[in-house]
Amino acid sequence: KVDEVSVEQVRQRLERGDRFVLIDVREDSEWSMGHIPQAIHIGR
């Protein structure tokens, strides 16, 4: 039920103004180094 997308696909959707929920499942240390402001962080 989950769509996995590439960085490029996210960029395109943001540019189009699509409405979606982005869940970032990277490690805490990766999240801390940088993330998309609208993303929700939930570790894998």
All heavy atoms as atom14 arrays in JSON, in Angstrom:
{
  "sequence": "KVDEVSVEQVRQRLERGDRFVLIDVREDSEWSMGHIPQAIHIGR",
  "atom14_mask": [
    [1, 1, 1, 1, 1, 1, 1, 1, 1, 0, 0, 0, 0, 0],
    [1, 1, 1, 1, 1, 1, 1, 0, 0, 0, 0, 0, 0, 0],
    [1, 1, 1, 1, 1, 1, 1, 1, 0, 0, 0, 0, 0, 0],
    [1, 1, 1, 1, 1, 1, 1, 1, 1, 0, 0, 0, 0, 0],
    [1, 1, 1, 1, 1, 1, 1, 0, 0, 0, 0, 0, 0, 0],
    [1, 1, 1, 1, 1, 1, 0, 0, 0, 0, 0, 0, 0, 0],
    [1, 1, 1, 1, 1, 1, 1, 0, 0, 0, 0, 0, 0, 0],
    [1, 1, 1, 1, 1, 1, 1, 1, 1, 0, 0, 0, 0, 0],
    [1, 1, 1, 1, 1, 1, 1, 1, 1, 0, 0, 0, 0, 0],
    [1, 1, 1, 1, 1, 1, 1, 0, 0, 0, 0, 0, 0, 0],
    [1, 1, 1, 1, 1, 1, 1, 1, 1, 1, 1, 0, 0, 0],
    [1, 1, 1, 1, 1, 1, 1, 1, 1, 0, 0, 0, 0, 0],
    [1, 1, 1, 1, 1, 1, 1, 1, 1, 1, 1, 0, 0, 0],
    [1, 1, 1, 1, 1, 1, 1, 1, 0, 0, 0, 0, 0, 0],
    [1, 1, 1, 1, 1, 1, 1, 1, 1, 0, 0, 0, 0, 0],
    [1, 1, 1, 1, 1, 1, 1, 1, 1, 1, 1, 0, 0, 0],
    [1, 1, 1, 1, 0, 0, 0, 0, 0, 0, 0, 0, 0, 0],
    [1, 1, 1, 1, 1, 1, 1, 1, 0, 0, 0, 0, 0, 0],
    [1, 1, 1, 1, 1, 1, 1, 1, 1, 1, 1, 0, 0, 0],
    [1, 1, 1, 1, 1, 1, 1, 1, 1, 1, 1, 0, 0, 0],
    [1, 1, 1, 1, 1, 1, 1, 0, 0, 0, 0, 0, 0, 0],
    [1, 1, 1, 1, 1, 1, 1, 1, 0, 0, 0, 0, 0, 0],
    [1, 1, 1, 1, 1, 1, 1, 1, 0, 0, 0, 0, 0, 0],
    [1, 1, 1, 1, 1, 1, 1, 1, 0, 0, 0, 0, 0, 0],
    [1, 1, 1, 1, 1, 1, 1, 0, 0, 0, 0, 0, 0, 0],
    [1, 1, 1, 1, 1, 1, 1, 1, 1, 1, 1, 0, 0, 0],
    [1, 1, 1, 1, 1, 1, 1, 1, 1, 0, 0, 0, 0, 0],
    [1, 1, 1, 1, 1, 1, 1, 1, 0, 0, 0, 0, 0, 0],
    [1, 1, 1, 1, 1, 1, 0, 0, 0, 0, 0, 0, 0, 0],
    [1, 1, 1, 1, 1, 1, 1, 1, 1, 0, 0, 0, 0, 0],
    [1, 1, 1, 1, 1, 1, 1, 1, 1, 1, 1, 1, 1, 1],
    [1, 1, 1, 1, 1, 1, 0, 0, 0, 0, 0, 0, 0, 0],
    [1, 1, 1, 1, 1, 1, 1, 1, 0, 0, 0, 0, 0, 0],
    [1, 1, 1, 1, 0, 0, 0, 0, 0, 0, 0, 0, 0, 0],
    [1, 1, 1, 1, 1, 1, 1, 1, 1, 1, 0, 0, 0, 0],
    [1, 1, 1, 1, 1, 1, 1, 1, 0, 0, 0, 0, 0, 0],
    [1, 1, 1, 1, 1, 1, 1, 0, 0, 0, 0, 0, 0, 0],
    [1, 1, 1, 1, 1, 1, 1, 1, 1, 0, 0, 0, 0, 0],
    [1, 1, 1, 1, 1, 0, 0, 0, 0, 0, 0, 0, 0, 0],
    [1, 1, 1, 1, 1, 1, 1, 1, 0, 0, 0, 0, 0, 0],
    [1, 1, 1, 1, 1, 1, 1, 1, 1, 1, 0, 0, 0, 0],
    [1, 1, 1, 1, 1, 1, 1, 1, 0, 0, 0, 0, 0, 0],
    [1, 1, 1, 1, 0, 0, 0, 0, 0, 0, 0, 0, 0, 0],
    [1, 1, 1, 1, 1, 1, 1, 1, 1, 1, 1, 0, 0, 0]
  ],
  "atom14_positions": [
    [[0.81, -1.22, 0.0], [0.0, 0.0, 0.0], [0.84, 1.27, 0.0], [0.3, 2.37, -0.01], [-0.91, 0.01, 1.22], [-1.91, -1.12, 1.21], [-2.75, -1.1, 2.47], [-3.72, -2.28, 2.46], [-4.56, -2.29, 3.65], [0.0, 0.0, 0.0], [0.0, 0.0, 0.0], [0.0, 0.0, 0.0], [0.0, 0.0, 0.0], [0.0, 0.0, 0.0]],
    [[2.16, 1.13, 0.01], [3.06, 2.28, 0.09], [3.77, 2.47, -1.24], [4.3, 1.53, -1.81], [4.11, 2.07, 1.22], [5.14, 3.17, 1.21], [3.42, 1.96, 2.57], [0.0, 0.0, 0.0], [0.0, 0.0, 0.0], [0.0, 0.0, 0.0], [0.0, 0.0, 0.0], [0.0, 0.0, 0.0], [0.0, 0.0, 0.0], [0.0, 0.0, 0.0]],
    [[3.74, 3.71, -1.72], [4.47, 4.03, -2.95], [5.85, 4.53, -2.59], [5.99, 5.53, -1.88], [3.75, 5.13, -3.74], [2.41, 4.67, -4.29], [2.27, 3.47, -4.58], [1.51, 5.51, -4.42], [0.0, 0.0, 0.0], [0.0, 0.0, 0.0], [0.0, 0.0, 0.0], [0.0, 0.0, 0.0], [0.0, 0.0, 0.0], [0.0, 0.0, 0.0]],
    [[6.87, 3.83, -3.04], [8.24, 4.3, -2.86], [8.59, 5.13, -4.08], [8.3, 4.74, -5.21], [9.21, 3.13, -2.71], [8.99, 2.35, -1.43], [10.03, 1.26, -1.22], [11.13, 1.36, -1.8], [9.73, 0.33, -0.48], [0.0, 0.0, 0.0], [0.0, 0.0, 0.0], [0.0, 0.0, 0.0], [0.0, 0.0, 0.0], [0.0, 0.0, 0.0]],
    [[9.21, 6.28, -3.85], [9.53, 7.18, -4.95], [10.99, 7.62, -4.88], [11.6, 7.59, -3.82], [8.61, 8.43, -4.93], [7.17, 8.05, -5.19], [8.73, 9.18, -3.63], [0.0, 0.0, 0.0], [0.0, 0.0, 0.0], [0.0, 0.0, 0.0], [0.0, 0.0, 0.0], [0.0, 0.0, 0.0], [0.0, 0.0, 0.0], [0.0, 0.0, 0.0]],
    [[11.5, 8.04, -6.01], [12.87, 8.52, -6.08], [12.92, 10.0, -5.68], [11.9, 10.69, -5.62], [13.4, 8.37, -7.51], [12.73, 9.28, -8.37], [0.0, 0.0, 0.0], [0.0, 0.0, 0.0], [0.0, 0.0, 0.0], [0.0, 0.0, 0.0], [0.0, 0.0, 0.0], [0.0, 0.0, 0.0], [0.0, 0.0, 0.0], [0.0, 0.0, 0.0]],
    [[14.12, 10.48, -5.45], [14.31, 11.9, -5.15], [13.77, 12.75, -6.31], [13.11, 13.77, -6.09], [15.81, 12.2, -4.89], [16.06, 13.68, -4.77], [16.28, 11.46, -3.66], [0.0, 0.0, 0.0], [0.0, 0.0, 0.0], [0.0, 0.0, 0.0], [0.0, 0.0, 0.0], [0.0, 0.0, 0.0], [0.0, 0.0, 0.0], [0.0, 0.0, 0.0]],
    [[14.05, 12.33, -7.51], [13.58, 13.08, -8.69], [12.05, 13.12, -8.74], [11.46, 14.17, -9.05], [14.14, 12.46, -9.97], [13.7, 13.15, -11.24], [14.14, 14.6, -11.34], [15.11, 15.0, -10.67], [13.5, 15.37, -12.08], [0.0, 0.0, 0.0], [0.0, 0.0, 0.0], [0.0, 0.0, 0.0], [0.0, 0.0, 0.0], [0.0, 0.0, 0.0]],
    [[11.39, 12.02, -8.43], [9.93, 12.0, -8.43], [9.36, 12.95, -7.37], [8.38, 13.65, -7.62], [9.41, 10.59, -8.19], [9.64, 9.66, -9.37], [9.34, 8.22, -9.02], [9.82, 7.69, -8.02], [8.51, 7.59, -9.83], [0.0, 0.0, 0.0], [0.0, 0.0, 0.0], [0.0, 0.0, 0.0], [0.0, 0.0, 0.0], [0.0, 0.0, 0.0]],
    [[9.99, 13.0, -6.21], [9.54, 13.93, -5.16], [9.73, 15.37, -5.64], [8.82, 16.2, -5.49], [10.3, 13.69, -3.84], [9.99, 14.79, -2.83], [9.96, 12.33, -3.26], [0.0, 0.0, 0.0], [0.0, 0.0, 0.0], [0.0, 0.0, 0.0], [0.0, 0.0, 0.0], [0.0, 0.0, 0.0], [0.0, 0.0, 0.0], [0.0, 0.0, 0.0]],
    [[10.88, 15.66, -6.22], [11.14, 17.01, -6.71], [10.08, 17.43, -7.72], [9.53, 18.53, -7.65], [12.53, 17.09, -7.36], [12.9, 18.52, -7.78], [14.2, 18.56, -8.57], [14.14, 17.84, -9.83], [13.48, 18.27, -10.92], [12.84, 19.41, -10.9], [13.48, 17.57, -12.02], [0.0, 0.0, 0.0], [0.0, 0.0, 0.0], [0.0, 0.0, 0.0]],
    [[9.75, 16.55, -8.66], [8.75, 16.85, -9.68], [7.38, 17.09, -9.05], [6.67, 18.03, -9.43], [8.67, 15.72, -10.7], [9.88, 15.62, -11.58], [9.87, 14.37, -12.44], [9.01, 13.5, -12.3], [10.84, 14.27, -13.34], [0.0, 0.0, 0.0], [0.0, 0.0, 0.0], [0.0, 0.0, 0.0], [0.0, 0.0, 0.0], [0.0, 0.0, 0.0]],
    [[7.02, 16.27, -8.08], [5.71, 16.43, -7.44], [5.64, 17.73, -6.64], [4.6, 18.4, -6.64], [5.41, 15.23, -6.55], [5.19, 13.96, -7.4], [4.84, 12.78, -6.56], [3.44, 12.93, -6.12], [2.79, 12.0, -5.44], [3.39, 10.88, -5.11], [1.55, 12.2, -5.08], [0.0, 0.0, 0.0], [0.0, 0.0, 0.0], [0.0, 0.0, 0.0]],
    [[6.73, 18.1, -5.98], [6.76, 19.36, -5.25], [6.64, 20.54, -6.21], [5.9, 21.49, -5.94], [8.05, 19.47, -4.42], [8.13, 18.58, -3.19], [9.55, 18.61, -2.62], [7.12, 19.01, -2.14], [0.0, 0.0, 0.0], [0.0, 0.0, 0.0], [0.0, 0.0, 0.0], [0.0, 0.0, 0.0], [0.0, 0.0, 0.0], [0.0, 0.0, 0.0]],
    [[7.35, 20.47, -7.33], [7.29, 21.55, -8.32], [5.89, 21.7, -8.91], [5.45, 22.81, -9.21], [8.3, 21.31, -9.43], [9.73, 21.56, -8.99], [10.75, 21.27, -10.08], [10.38, 20.76, -11.17], [11.95, 21.53, -9.84], [0.0, 0.0, 0.0], [0.0, 0.0, 0.0], [0.0, 0.0, 0.0], [0.0, 0.0, 0.0], [0.0, 0.0, 0.0]],
    [[5.17, 20.59, -9.09], [3.81, 20.64, -9.63], [2.8, 21.11, -8.59], [1.66, 21.43, -8.91], [3.37, 19.26, -10.12], [3.97, 18.82, -11.42], [3.23, 17.61, -11.99], [3.13, 16.51, -11.07], [3.88, 15.4, -11.1], [4.81, 15.26, -12.03], [3.72, 14.44, -10.22], [0.0, 0.0, 0.0], [0.0, 0.0, 0.0], [0.0, 0.0, 0.0]],
    [[3.2, 21.07, -7.34], [2.28, 21.43, -6.27], [1.35, 20.3, -5.87], [0.3, 20.54, -5.28], [0.0, 0.0, 0.0], [0.0, 0.0, 0.0], [0.0, 0.0, 0.0], [0.0, 0.0, 0.0], [0.0, 0.0, 0.0], [0.0, 0.0, 0.0], [0.0, 0.0, 0.0], [0.0, 0.0, 0.0], [0.0, 0.0, 0.0], [0.0, 0.0, 0.0]],
    [[1.74, 19.07, -6.21], [0.93, 17.91, -5.82], [0.77, 17.84, -4.31], [1.68, 18.2, -3.57], [1.59, 16.61, -6.29], [1.6, 16.43, -7.79], [1.0, 17.26, -8.5], [2.22, 15.46, -8.26], [0.0, 0.0, 0.0], [0.0, 0.0, 0.0], [0.0, 0.0, 0.0], [0.0, 0.0, 0.0], [0.0, 0.0, 0.0], [0.0, 0.0, 0.0]],
    [[-0.37, 17.37, -3.86], [-0.58, 17.14, -2.43], [-0.26, 15.68, -2.13], [-0.82, 14.78, -2.76], [-2.03, 17.45, -2.07], [-2.35, 18.94, -2.19], [-3.81, 19.21, -1.92], [-4.24, 18.58, -0.68], [-4.49, 19.23, 0.46], [-4.37, 20.52, 0.51], [-4.88, 18.58, 1.53], [0.0, 0.0, 0.0], [0.0, 0.0, 0.0], [0.0, 0.0, 0.0]],
    [[0.63, 15.46, -1.19], [1.01, 14.1, -0.8], [1.68, 14.15, 0.56], [2.06, 15.21, 1.03], [1.93, 13.45, -1.84], [3.24, 14.15, -2.03], [4.39, 13.71, -1.39], [3.35, 15.25, -2.87], [5.6, 14.35, -1.57], [4.55, 15.9, -3.06], [5.68, 15.45, -2.41], [0.0, 0.0, 0.0], [0.0, 0.0, 0.0], [0.0, 0.0, 0.0]],
    [[1.77, 12.99, 1.18], [2.47, 12.87, 2.46], [3.79, 12.18, 2.19], [3.81, 11.08, 1.63], [1.64, 12.07, 3.49], [2.42, 11.86, 4.77], [0.32, 12.76, 3.76], [0.0, 0.0, 0.0], [0.0, 0.0, 0.0], [0.0, 0.0, 0.0], [0.0, 0.0, 0.0], [0.0, 0.0, 0.0], [0.0, 0.0, 0.0], [0.0, 0.0, 0.0]],
    [[4.88, 12.81, 2.59], [6.21, 12.25, 2.4], [6.74, 11.79, 3.75], [6.91, 12.59, 4.66], [7.15, 13.29, 1.79], [8.6, 12.85, 1.61], [8.68, 11.69, 0.61], [9.44, 14.02, 1.14], [0.0, 0.0, 0.0], [0.0, 0.0, 0.0], [0.0, 0.0, 0.0], [0.0, 0.0, 0.0], [0.0, 0.0, 0.0], [0.0, 0.0, 0.0]],
    [[6.95, 10.5, 3.88], [7.5, 9.93, 5.11], [8.94, 9.53, 4.83], [9.21, 8.72, 3.95], [6.68, 8.72, 5.59], [5.24, 9.17, 5.85], [7.31, 8.12, 6.85], [4.3, 8.04, 6.19], [0.0, 0.0, 0.0], [0.0, 0.0, 0.0], [0.0, 0.0, 0.0], [0.0, 0.0, 0.0], [0.0, 0.0, 0.0], [0.0, 0.0, 0.0]],
    [[9.85, 10.12, 5.57], [11.29, 9.89, 5.42], [11.69, 8.82, 6.43], [11.56, 9.01, 7.63], [12.02, 11.2, 5.68], [13.5, 11.14, 5.36], [14.11, 10.06, 5.52], [14.05, 12.18, 4.97], [0.0, 0.0, 0.0], [0.0, 0.0, 0.0], [0.0, 0.0, 0.0], [0.0, 0.0, 0.0], [0.0, 0.0, 0.0], [0.0, 0.0, 0.0]],
    [[12.16, 7.69, 5.94], [12.48, 6.56, 6.83], [13.98, 6.36, 7.03], [14.41, 5.32, 7.52], [11.84, 5.24, 6.32], [10.33, 5.34, 6.3], [12.37, 4.87, 4.93], [0.0, 0.0, 0.0], [0.0, 0.0, 0.0], [0.0, 0.0, 0.0], [0.0, 0.0, 0.0], [0.0, 0.0, 0.0], [0.0, 0.0, 0.0], [0.0, 0.0, 0.0]],
    [[14.74, 7.4, 6.72], [16.19, 7.27, 6.91], [16.52, 7.28, 8.39], [15.71, 7.59, 9.25], [16.9, 8.42, 6.2], [16.74, 8.37, 4.68], [17.36, 9.56, 4.02], [16.75, 10.79, 4.52], [17.4, 11.94, 4.63], [18.66, 12.05, 4.26], [16.78, 13.02, 5.09], [0.0, 0.0, 0.0], [0.0, 0.0, 0.0], [0.0, 0.0, 0.0]],
    [[17.77, 6.96, 8.69], [18.25, 6.95, 10.08], [18.22, 8.37, 10.65], [18.27, 9.35, 9.91], [19.68, 6.41, 10.14], [19.82, 4.97, 9.65], [19.08, 3.98, 10.52], [18.95, 4.21, 11.75], [18.63, 2.96, 9.98], [0.0, 0.0, 0.0], [0.0, 0.0, 0.0], [0.0, 0.0, 0.0], [0.0, 0.0, 0.0], [0.0, 0.0, 0.0]],
    [[18.14, 8.47, 11.98], [18.11, 9.78, 12.64], [19.27, 10.67, 12.22], [19.09, 11.87, 11.99], [18.14, 9.61, 14.17], [16.87, 8.99, 14.72], [15.86, 8.91, 13.99], [16.88, 8.58, 15.9], [0.0, 0.0, 0.0], [0.0, 0.0, 0.0], [0.0, 0.0, 0.0], [0.0, 0.0, 0.0], [0.0, 0.0, 0.0], [0.0, 0.0, 0.0]],
    [[20.45, 10.1, 12.12], [21.63, 10.9, 11.76], [21.51, 11.45, 10.34], [21.93, 12.59, 10.08], [22.9, 10.06, 11.9], [22.84, 8.93, 11.04], [0.0, 0.0, 0.0], [0.0, 0.0, 0.0], [0.0, 0.0, 0.0], [0.0, 0.0, 0.0], [0.0, 0.0, 0.0], [0.0, 0.0, 0.0], [0.0, 0.0, 0.0], [0.0, 0.0, 0.0]],
    [[20.93, 10.68, 9.43], [20.73, 11.16, 8.06], [19.7, 12.28, 8.03], [19.87, 13.28, 7.34], [20.29, 10.01, 7.16], [21.34, 8.93, 7.01], [20.8, 7.7, 6.33], [19.76, 7.17, 6.77], [21.44, 7.27, 5.34], [0.0, 0.0, 0.0], [0.0, 0.0, 0.0], [0.0, 0.0, 0.0], [0.0, 0.0, 0.0], [0.0, 0.0, 0.0]],
    [[18.63, 12.1, 8.78], [17.56, 13.12, 8.88], [18.14, 14.43, 9.42], [17.84, 15.5, 8.91], [16.45, 12.59, 9.77], [15.41, 13.59, 10.17], [15.38, 14.33, 11.31], [14.26, 13.98, 9.42], [14.27, 15.14, 11.33], [13.56, 14.95, 10.18], [13.74, 13.6, 8.19], [12.38, 15.54, 9.76], [12.56, 14.19, 7.77], [11.89, 15.14, 8.54]],
    [[18.98, 14.31, 10.43], [19.56, 15.49, 11.05], [20.45, 16.27, 10.09], [20.57, 17.49, 10.2], [20.39, 15.1, 12.28], [19.57, 14.53, 13.26], [0.0, 0.0, 0.0], [0.0, 0.0, 0.0], [0.0, 0.0, 0.0], [0.0, 0.0, 0.0], [0.0, 0.0, 0.0], [0.0, 0.0, 0.0], [0.0, 0.0, 0.0], [0.0, 0.0, 0.0]],
    [[21.07, 15.58, 9.14], [21.96, 16.25, 8.19], [21.18, 17.05, 7.15], [21.72, 17.94, 6.51], [22.86, 15.23, 7.5], [23.89, 14.65, 8.43], [25.16, 13.63, 7.62], [24.24, 12.54, 6.6], [0.0, 0.0, 0.0], [0.0, 0.0, 0.0], [0.0, 0.0, 0.0], [0.0, 0.0, 0.0], [0.0, 0.0, 0.0], [0.0, 0.0, 0.0]],
    [[19.91, 16.74, 6.97], [19.09, 17.48, 6.02], [17.89, 16.68, 5.58], [17.95, 15.46, 5.48], [0.0, 0.0, 0.0], [0.0, 0.0, 0.0], [0.0, 0.0, 0.0], [0.0, 0.0, 0.0], [0.0, 0.0, 0.0], [0.0, 0.0, 0.0], [0.0, 0.0, 0.0], [0.0, 0.0, 0.0], [0.0, 0.0, 0.0], [0.0, 0.0, 0.0]],
    [[16.78, 17.39, 5.35], [15.55, 16.74, 4.91], [14.62, 17.78, 4.29], [14.81, 18.97, 4.47], [14.86, 16.03, 6.07], [14.54, 16.94, 7.21], [15.45, 17.22, 8.21], [13.44, 17.68, 7.49], [14.9, 18.07, 9.06], [13.7, 18.36, 8.65], [0.0, 0.0, 0.0], [0.0, 0.0, 0.0], [0.0, 0.0, 0.0], [0.0, 0.0, 0.0]],
    [[13.64, 17.31, 3.59], [12.63, 18.18, 3.01], [11.75, 18.69, 4.14], [11.27, 17.89, 4.95], [11.8, 17.42, 1.96], [12.7, 17.02, 0.78], [10.62, 18.25, 1.48], [12.04, 16.12, -0.22], [0.0, 0.0, 0.0], [0.0, 0.0, 0.0], [0.0, 0.0, 0.0], [0.0, 0.0, 0.0], [0.0, 0.0, 0.0], [0.0, 0.0, 0.0]],
    [[11.54, 19.99, 4.22], [10.79, 20.55, 5.35], [9.41, 19.92, 5.57], [8.98, 19.77, 6.7], [10.66, 22.04, 4.99], [11.84, 22.31, 4.12], [12.06, 21.04, 3.34], [0.0, 0.0, 0.0], [0.0, 0.0, 0.0], [0.0, 0.0, 0.0], [0.0, 0.0, 0.0], [0.0, 0.0, 0.0], [0.0, 0.0, 0.0], [0.0, 0.0, 0.0]],
    [[8.71, 19.55, 4.51], [7.37, 18.98, 4.64], [7.37, 17.51, 5.06], [6.32, 16.94, 5.36], [6.58, 19.09, 3.33], [6.42, 20.5, 2.82], [7.52, 20.9, 1.85], [8.69, 20.55, 2.0], [7.16, 21.68, 0.84], [0.0, 0.0, 0.0], [0.0, 0.0, 0.0], [0.0, 0.0, 0.0], [0.0, 0.0, 0.0], [0.0, 0.0, 0.0]],
    [[8.52, 16.87, 5.04], [8.61, 15.44, 5.32], [8.34, 15.13, 6.79], [8.63, 15.93, 7.68], [9.97, 14.9, 4.93], [0.0, 0.0, 0.0], [0.0, 0.0, 0.0], [0.0, 0.0, 0.0], [0.0, 0.0, 0.0], [0.0, 0.0, 0.0], [0.0, 0.0, 0.0], [0.0, 0.0, 0.0], [0.0, 0.0, 0.0], [0.0, 0.0, 0.0]],
    [[7.79, 13.96, 7.01], [7.58, 13.43, 8.35], [8.65, 12.36, 8.56], [8.85, 11.5, 7.69], [6.18, 12.8, 8.48], [5.1, 13.87, 8.25], [6.0, 12.12, 9.82], [3.71, 13.29, 8.08], [0.0, 0.0, 0.0], [0.0, 0.0, 0.0], [0.0, 0.0, 0.0], [0.0, 0.0, 0.0], [0.0, 0.0, 0.0], [0.0, 0.0, 0.0]],
    [[9.33, 12.4, 9.68], [10.38, 11.42, 9.93], [9.86, 10.29, 10.83], [9.41, 10.52, 11.94], [11.59, 12.08, 10.62], [12.69, 11.13, 10.88], [13.18, 10.89, 12.14], [13.42, 10.34, 10.06], [14.15, 10.01, 12.06], [14.31, 9.66, 10.81], [0.0, 0.0, 0.0], [0.0, 0.0, 0.0], [0.0, 0.0, 0.0], [0.0, 0.0, 0.0]],
    [[9.9, 9.1, 10.3], [9.59, 7.89, 11.07], [10.65, 6.88, 10.67], [10.69, 6.42, 9.52], [8.19, 7.32, 10.75], [7.11, 8.36, 10.98], [7.94, 6.07, 11.6], [5.71, 7.91, 10.6], [0.0, 0.0, 0.0], [0.0, 0.0, 0.0], [0.0, 0.0, 0.0], [0.0, 0.0, 0.0], [0.0, 0.0, 0.0], [0.0, 0.0, 0.0]],
    [[11.53, 6.54, 11.59], [12.61, 5.61, 11.29], [12.08, 4.26, 10.82], [11.04, 3.79, 11.28], [0.0, 0.0, 0.0], [0.0, 0.0, 0.0], [0.0, 0.0, 0.0], [0.0, 0.0, 0.0], [0.0, 0.0, 0.0], [0.0, 0.0, 0.0], [0.0, 0.0, 0.0], [0.0, 0.0, 0.0], [0.0, 0.0, 0.0], [0.0, 0.0, 0.0]],
    [[12.79, 3.66, 9.91], [12.38, 2.37, 9.36], [12.18, 1.33, 10.44], [11.27, 0.52, 10.4], [13.43, 1.89, 8.35], [13.03, 0.68, 7.59], [14.08, 0.22, 6.64], [14.88, 1.33, 6.15], [15.47, 1.38, 4.98], [15.38, 0.37, 4.17], [16.19, 2.42, 4.62], [0.0, 0.0, 0.0], [0.0, 0.0, 0.0], [0.0, 0.0, 0.0]]
  ]
}
